[in-house]
PDB file of all heavy atoms in Angstrom:
ATOM      1  N   GLN A   1     -15.354   4.843  -0.541  1.00  0.00           N
ATOM      2  CA  GLN A   1     -14.179   4.024  -0.183  1.00  0.00           C
ATOM      3  C   GLN A   1     -14.521   3.129   0.971  1.00  0.00           C
ATOM      4  O   GLN A   1     -15.473   3.331   1.688  1.00  0.00           O
ATOM      5  CB  GLN A   1     -12.988   4.940   0.178  1.00  0.00           C
ATOM      6  CG  GLN A   1     -13.180   5.804   1.409  1.00  0.00           C
ATOM      7  CD  GLN A   1     -12.129   6.875   1.547  1.00  0.00           C
ATOM      8  OE1 GLN A   1     -11.886   7.650   0.639  1.00  0.00           O
ATOM      9  NE2 GLN A   1     -11.473   6.887   2.713  1.00  0.00           N
ATOM     10  N   ALA A   2     -13.708   2.069   1.129  1.00  0.00           N
ATOM     11  CA  ALA A   2     -13.691   1.229   2.301  1.00  0.00           C
ATOM     12  C   ALA A   2     -12.289   1.356   2.888  1.00  0.00           C
ATOM     13  O   ALA A   2     -11.325   1.231   2.136  1.00  0.00           O
ATOM     14  CB  ALA A   2     -14.021  -0.208   1.952  1.00  0.00           C
ATOM     15  N   ASN A   3     -12.184   1.576   4.178  1.00  0.00           N
ATOM     16  CA  ASN A   3     -10.857   1.899   4.773  1.00  0.00           C
ATOM     17  C   ASN A   3     -10.209   0.687   5.408  1.00  0.00           C
ATOM     18  O   ASN A   3     -10.861  -0.120   6.028  1.00  0.00           O
ATOM     19  CB  ASN A   3     -11.021   3.015   5.799  1.00  0.00           C
ATOM     20  CG  ASN A   3     -11.139   4.378   5.148  1.00  0.00           C
ATOM     21  OD1 ASN A   3     -10.945   4.514   3.952  1.00  0.00           O
ATOM     22  ND2 ASN A   3     -11.465   5.369   5.960  1.00  0.00           N
ATOM     23  N   THR A   4      -8.900   0.607   5.272  1.00  0.00           N
ATOM     24  CA  THR A   4      -8.069  -0.274   6.041  1.00  0.00           C
ATOM     25  C   THR A   4      -6.841   0.525   6.472  1.00  0.00           C
ATOM     26  O   THR A   4      -6.755   1.732   6.134  1.00  0.00           O
ATOM     27  CB  THR A   4      -7.711  -1.540   5.253  1.00  0.00           C
ATOM     28  OG1 THR A   4      -6.987  -2.421   6.145  1.00  0.00           O
ATOM     29  CG2 THR A   4      -6.832  -1.189   4.066  1.00  0.00           C
ATOM     30  N   SER A   5      -5.932  -0.078   7.202  1.00  0.00           N
ATOM     31  CA  SER A   5      -4.715   0.615   7.604  1.00  0.00           C
ATOM     32  C   SER A   5      -3.518  -0.248   7.264  1.00  0.00           C
ATOM     33  O   SER A   5      -3.622  -1.460   7.095  1.00  0.00           O
ATOM     34  CB  SER A   5      -4.724   0.938   9.119  1.00  0.00           C
ATOM     35  OG  SER A   5      -4.768  -0.254   9.871  1.00  0.00           O
ATOM     36  N   TYR A   6      -2.371   0.405   7.193  1.00  0.00           N
ATOM     37  CA  TYR A   6      -1.138  -0.302   6.749  1.00  0.00           C
ATOM     38  C   TYR A   6       0.061   0.404   7.371  1.00  0.00           C
ATOM     39  O   TYR A   6       0.122   1.644   7.387  1.00  0.00           O
ATOM     40  CB  TYR A   6      -1.026  -0.300   5.237  1.00  0.00           C
ATOM     41  CG  TYR A   6       0.263  -0.882   4.702  1.00  0.00           C
ATOM     42  CD1 TYR A   6       0.447  -2.270   4.684  1.00  0.00           C
ATOM     43  CD2 TYR A   6       1.286  -0.057   4.241  1.00  0.00           C
ATOM     44  CE1 TYR A   6       1.615  -2.811   4.179  1.00  0.00           C
ATOM     45  CE2 TYR A   6       2.485  -0.620   3.740  1.00  0.00           C
ATOM     46  CZ  TYR A   6       2.630  -1.973   3.735  1.00  0.00           C
ATOM     47  OH  TYR A   6       3.806  -2.531   3.241  1.00  0.00           O
ATOM     48  N   VAL A   7       0.979  -0.369   7.940  1.00  0.00           N
ATOM     49  CA  VAL A   7       2.213   0.168   8.523  1.00  0.00           C
ATOM     50  C   VAL A   7       3.296   0.113   7.472  1.00  0.00           C
ATOM     51  O   VAL A   7       3.595  -0.968   6.917  1.00  0.00           O
ATOM     52  CB  VAL A   7       2.640  -0.601   9.780  1.00  0.00           C
ATOM     53  CG1 VAL A   7       3.950  -0.085  10.319  1.00  0.00           C
ATOM     54  CG2 VAL A   7       1.553  -0.510  10.850  1.00  0.00           C
ATOM     55  N   VAL A   8       3.866   1.256   7.160  1.00  0.00           N
ATOM     56  CA  VAL A   8       4.877   1.354   6.114  1.00  0.00           C
ATOM     57  C   VAL A   8       6.102   0.541   6.468  1.00  0.00           C
ATOM     58  O   VAL A   8       6.627   0.608   7.589  1.00  0.00           O
ATOM     59  CB  VAL A   8       5.265   2.822   5.875  1.00  0.00           C
ATOM     60  CG1 VAL A   8       6.352   2.947   4.812  1.00  0.00           C
ATOM     61  CG2 VAL A   8       4.042   3.654   5.473  1.00  0.00           C
ATOM     62  N   LYS A   9       6.637  -0.197   5.498  1.00  0.00           N
ATOM     63  CA  LYS A   9       7.849  -1.016   5.670  1.00  0.00           C
ATOM     64  C   LYS A   9       9.027  -0.332   4.987  1.00  0.00           C
ATOM     65  O   LYS A   9       8.859   0.593   4.182  1.00  0.00           O
ATOM     66  CB  LYS A   9       7.630  -2.412   5.102  1.00  0.00           C
ATOM     67  CG  LYS A   9       6.530  -3.205   5.831  1.00  0.00           C
ATOM     68  CD  LYS A   9       6.365  -4.572   5.207  1.00  0.00           C
ATOM     69  CE  LYS A   9       5.362  -5.420   6.006  1.00  0.00           C
ATOM     70  NZ  LYS A   9       4.024  -4.800   6.125  1.00  0.00           N
ATOM     71  N   GLN A  10      10.220  -0.786   5.298  1.00  0.00           N
ATOM     72  CA  GLN A  10      11.422  -0.244   4.696  1.00  0.00           C
ATOM     73  C   GLN A  10      11.347  -0.337   3.189  1.00  0.00           C
ATOM     74  O   GLN A  10      10.935  -1.382   2.664  1.00  0.00           O
ATOM     75  CB  GLN A  10      12.658  -1.015   5.228  1.00  0.00           C
ATOM     76  CG  GLN A  10      13.989  -0.366   4.904  1.00  0.00           C
ATOM     77  CD  GLN A  10      14.154   0.944   5.681  1.00  0.00           C
ATOM     78  OE1 GLN A  10      13.723   1.063   6.821  1.00  0.00           O
ATOM     79  NE2 GLN A  10      14.783   1.943   5.058  1.00  0.00           N
ATOM     80  N   ASP A  11      11.710   0.744   2.505  1.00  0.00           N
ATOM     81  CA  ASP A  11      11.743   0.817   1.041  1.00  0.00           C
ATOM     82  C   ASP A  11      10.349   0.898   0.412  1.00  0.00           C
ATOM     83  O   ASP A  11      10.258   0.847  -0.828  1.00  0.00           O
ATOM     84  CB  ASP A  11      12.506  -0.390   0.412  1.00  0.00           C
ATOM     85  CG  ASP A  11      13.953  -0.467   0.868  1.00  0.00           C
ATOM     86  OD1 ASP A  11      14.550   0.615   1.075  1.00  0.00           O
ATOM     87  OD2 ASP A  11      14.483  -1.571   1.050  1.00  0.00           O
ATOM     88  N   ASP A  12       9.322   1.000   1.227  1.00  0.00           N
ATOM     89  CA  ASP A  12       7.997   1.233   0.653  1.00  0.00           C
ATOM     90  C   ASP A  12       7.899   2.624   0.052  1.00  0.00           C
ATOM     91  O   ASP A  12       8.423   3.609   0.621  1.00  0.00           O
ATOM     92  CB  ASP A  12       6.913   1.082   1.729  1.00  0.00           C
ATOM     93  CG  ASP A  12       6.384  -0.353   1.839  1.00  0.00           C
ATOM     94  OD1 ASP A  12       6.671  -1.142   0.949  1.00  0.00           O
ATOM     95  OD2 ASP A  12       5.688  -0.649   2.836  1.00  0.00           O
ATOM     96  N   THR A  13       7.164   2.761  -1.036  1.00  0.00           N
ATOM     97  CA  THR A  13       6.736   4.050  -1.571  1.00  0.00           C
ATOM     98  C   THR A  13       5.240   3.948  -1.748  1.00  0.00           C
ATOM     99  O   THR A  13       4.622   2.881  -1.645  1.00  0.00           O
ATOM    100  CB  THR A  13       7.396   4.356  -2.910  1.00  0.00           C
ATOM    101  OG1 THR A  13       6.920   3.369  -3.887  1.00  0.00           O
ATOM    102  CG2 THR A  13       8.928   4.316  -2.803  1.00  0.00           C
ATOM    103  N   TYR A  14       4.577   5.124  -2.027  1.00  0.00           N
ATOM    104  CA  TYR A  14       3.142   5.060  -2.290  1.00  0.00           C
ATOM    105  C   TYR A  14       2.823   4.144  -3.446  1.00  0.00           C
ATOM    106  O   TYR A  14       1.820   3.387  -3.417  1.00  0.00           O
ATOM    107  CB  TYR A  14       2.604   6.458  -2.536  1.00  0.00           C
ATOM    108  CG  TYR A  14       2.450   7.317  -1.288  1.00  0.00           C
ATOM    109  CD1 TYR A  14       3.108   8.535  -1.157  1.00  0.00           C
ATOM    110  CD2 TYR A  14       1.612   6.913  -0.251  1.00  0.00           C
ATOM    111  CE1 TYR A  14       2.943   9.330  -0.031  1.00  0.00           C
ATOM    112  CE2 TYR A  14       1.469   7.691   0.865  1.00  0.00           C
ATOM    113  CZ  TYR A  14       2.115   8.903   1.018  1.00  0.00           C
ATOM    114  OH  TYR A  14       1.951   9.677   2.124  1.00  0.00           O
ATOM    115  N   LEU A  15       3.640   4.176  -4.491  1.00  0.00           N
ATOM    116  CA  LEU A  15       3.384   3.348  -5.654  1.00  0.00           C
ATOM    117  C   LEU A  15       3.568   1.869  -5.317  1.00  0.00           C
ATOM    118  O   LEU A  15       2.751   1.038  -5.750  1.00  0.00           O
ATOM    119  CB  LEU A  15       4.332   3.746  -6.789  1.00  0.00           C
ATOM    120  CG  LEU A  15       4.130   3.012  -8.105  1.00  0.00           C
ATOM    121  CD1 LEU A  15       2.738   3.261  -8.650  1.00  0.00           C
ATOM    122  CD2 LEU A  15       5.190   3.453  -9.155  1.00  0.00           C
ATOM    123  N   VAL A  16       4.566   1.520  -4.557  1.00  0.00           N
ATOM    124  CA  VAL A  16       4.814   0.125  -4.174  1.00  0.00           C
ATOM    125  C   VAL A  16       3.645  -0.373  -3.325  1.00  0.00           C
ATOM    126  O   VAL A  16       3.118  -1.494  -3.528  1.00  0.00           O
ATOM    127  CB  VAL A  16       6.151  -0.012  -3.396  1.00  0.00           C
ATOM    128  CG1 VAL A  16       6.218  -1.373  -2.723  1.00  0.00           C
ATOM    129  CG2 VAL A  16       7.315   0.194  -4.365  1.00  0.00           C
ATOM    130  N   ILE A  17       3.189   0.461  -2.376  1.00  0.00           N
ATOM    131  CA  ILE A  17       2.097   0.062  -1.504  1.00  0.00           C
ATOM    132  C   ILE A  17       0.800  -0.160  -2.330  1.00  0.00           C
ATOM    133  O   ILE A  17       0.092  -1.154  -2.171  1.00  0.00           O
ATOM    134  CB  ILE A  17       1.855   1.100  -0.406  1.00  0.00           C
ATOM    135  CG1 ILE A  17       3.070   1.180   0.514  1.00  0.00           C
ATOM    136  CG2 ILE A  17       0.594   0.758   0.409  1.00  0.00           C
ATOM    137  CD1 ILE A  17       3.036   2.326   1.466  1.00  0.00           C
ATOM    138  N   ALA A  18       0.509   0.771  -3.243  1.00  0.00           N
ATOM    139  CA  ALA A  18      -0.706   0.722  -4.023  1.00  0.00           C
ATOM    140  C   ALA A  18      -0.705  -0.451  -5.014  1.00  0.00           C
ATOM    141  O   ALA A  18      -1.655  -1.233  -5.084  1.00  0.00           O
ATOM    142  CB  ALA A  18      -0.893   2.043  -4.780  1.00  0.00           C
ATOM    143  N   ASN A  19       0.420  -0.601  -5.761  1.00  0.00           N
ATOM    144  CA  ASN A  19       0.417  -1.602  -6.867  1.00  0.00           C
ATOM    145  C   ASN A  19       0.942  -2.963  -6.430  1.00  0.00           C
ATOM    146  O   ASN A  19       0.507  -3.987  -7.000  1.00  0.00           O
ATOM    147  CB  ASN A  19       1.245  -1.070  -8.037  1.00  0.00           C
ATOM    148  CG  ASN A  19       0.480  -0.040  -8.833  1.00  0.00           C
ATOM    149  OD1 ASN A  19      -0.571   0.396  -8.446  1.00  0.00           O
ATOM    150  ND2 ASN A  19       1.005   0.350  -9.993  1.00  0.00           N
ATOM    151  N   ASN A  20       1.886  -3.007  -5.508  1.00  0.00           N
ATOM    152  CA  ASN A  20       2.458  -4.281  -5.097  1.00  0.00           C
ATOM    153  C   ASN A  20       1.642  -4.912  -3.929  1.00  0.00           C
ATOM    154  O   ASN A  20       1.183  -6.012  -4.031  1.00  0.00           O
ATOM    155  CB  ASN A  20       3.922  -4.148  -4.732  1.00  0.00           C
ATOM    156  CG  ASN A  20       4.781  -3.882  -5.929  1.00  0.00           C
ATOM    157  OD1 ASN A  20       4.282  -3.608  -7.014  1.00  0.00           O
ATOM    158  ND2 ASN A  20       6.100  -3.985  -5.757  1.00  0.00           N
ATOM    159  N   THR A  21       1.528  -4.159  -2.832  1.00  0.00           N
ATOM    160  CA  THR A  21       0.892  -4.700  -1.664  1.00  0.00           C
ATOM    161  C   THR A  21      -0.614  -4.876  -1.906  1.00  0.00           C
ATOM    162  O   THR A  21      -1.168  -5.949  -1.640  1.00  0.00           O
ATOM    163  CB  THR A  21       1.141  -3.822  -0.431  1.00  0.00           C
ATOM    164  OG1 THR A  21       2.532  -3.676  -0.235  1.00  0.00           O
ATOM    165  CG2 THR A  21       0.512  -4.422   0.810  1.00  0.00           C
ATOM    166  N   PHE A  22      -1.258  -3.804  -2.401  1.00  0.00           N
ATOM    167  CA  PHE A  22      -2.707  -3.855  -2.563  1.00  0.00           C
ATOM    168  C   PHE A  22      -3.138  -4.133  -4.007  1.00  0.00           C
ATOM    169  O   PHE A  22      -4.316  -4.161  -4.312  1.00  0.00           O
ATOM    170  CB  PHE A  22      -3.353  -2.540  -2.063  1.00  0.00           C
ATOM    171  CG  PHE A  22      -3.308  -2.392  -0.572  1.00  0.00           C
ATOM    172  CD1 PHE A  22      -2.227  -1.768   0.052  1.00  0.00           C
ATOM    173  CD2 PHE A  22      -4.315  -2.897   0.216  1.00  0.00           C
ATOM    174  CE1 PHE A  22      -2.203  -1.632   1.428  1.00  0.00           C
ATOM    175  CE2 PHE A  22      -4.284  -2.787   1.582  1.00  0.00           C
ATOM    176  CZ  PHE A  22      -3.214  -2.164   2.187  1.00  0.00           C
ATOM    177  N   ALA A  23      -2.149  -4.365  -4.853  1.00  0.00           N
ATOM    178  CA  ALA A  23      -2.411  -4.835  -6.235  1.00  0.00           C
ATOM    179  C   ALA A  23      -3.332  -3.969  -7.064  1.00  0.00           C
ATOM    180  O   ALA A  23      -3.900  -4.437  -8.062  1.00  0.00           O
ATOM    181  CB  ALA A  23      -2.924  -6.259  -6.199  1.00  0.00           C
ATOM    182  N   GLY A  24      -3.521  -2.698  -6.689  1.00  0.00           N
ATOM    183  CA  GLY A  24      -4.375  -1.831  -7.450  1.00  0.00           C
ATOM    184  C   GLY A  24      -5.689  -1.518  -6.791  1.00  0.00           C
ATOM    185  O   GLY A  24      -6.530  -0.794  -7.377  1.00  0.00           O
ATOM    186  N   LEU A  25      -5.949  -2.063  -5.605  1.00  0.00           N
ATOM    187  CA  LEU A  25      -7.193  -1.766  -4.889  1.00  0.00           C
ATOM    188  C   LEU A  25      -7.170  -0.336  -4.329  1.00  0.00           C
ATOM    189  O   LEU A  25      -8.215   0.155  -3.829  1.00  0.00           O
ATOM    190  CB  LEU A  25      -7.420  -2.764  -3.756  1.00  0.00           C
ATOM    191  CG  LEU A  25      -7.952  -4.107  -4.166  1.00  0.00           C
ATOM    192  CD1 LEU A  25      -8.083  -5.025  -2.975  1.00  0.00           C
ATOM    193  CD2 LEU A  25      -9.298  -3.988  -4.922  1.00  0.00           C
TER     194      LEU A  25
END
């Protein structure tokens, strides 16, 4: 893996972060 960090926003879920924000990365 290569690591980055992310601050959770309102209404974020793990699925939203993975598929919407990071688009599947």
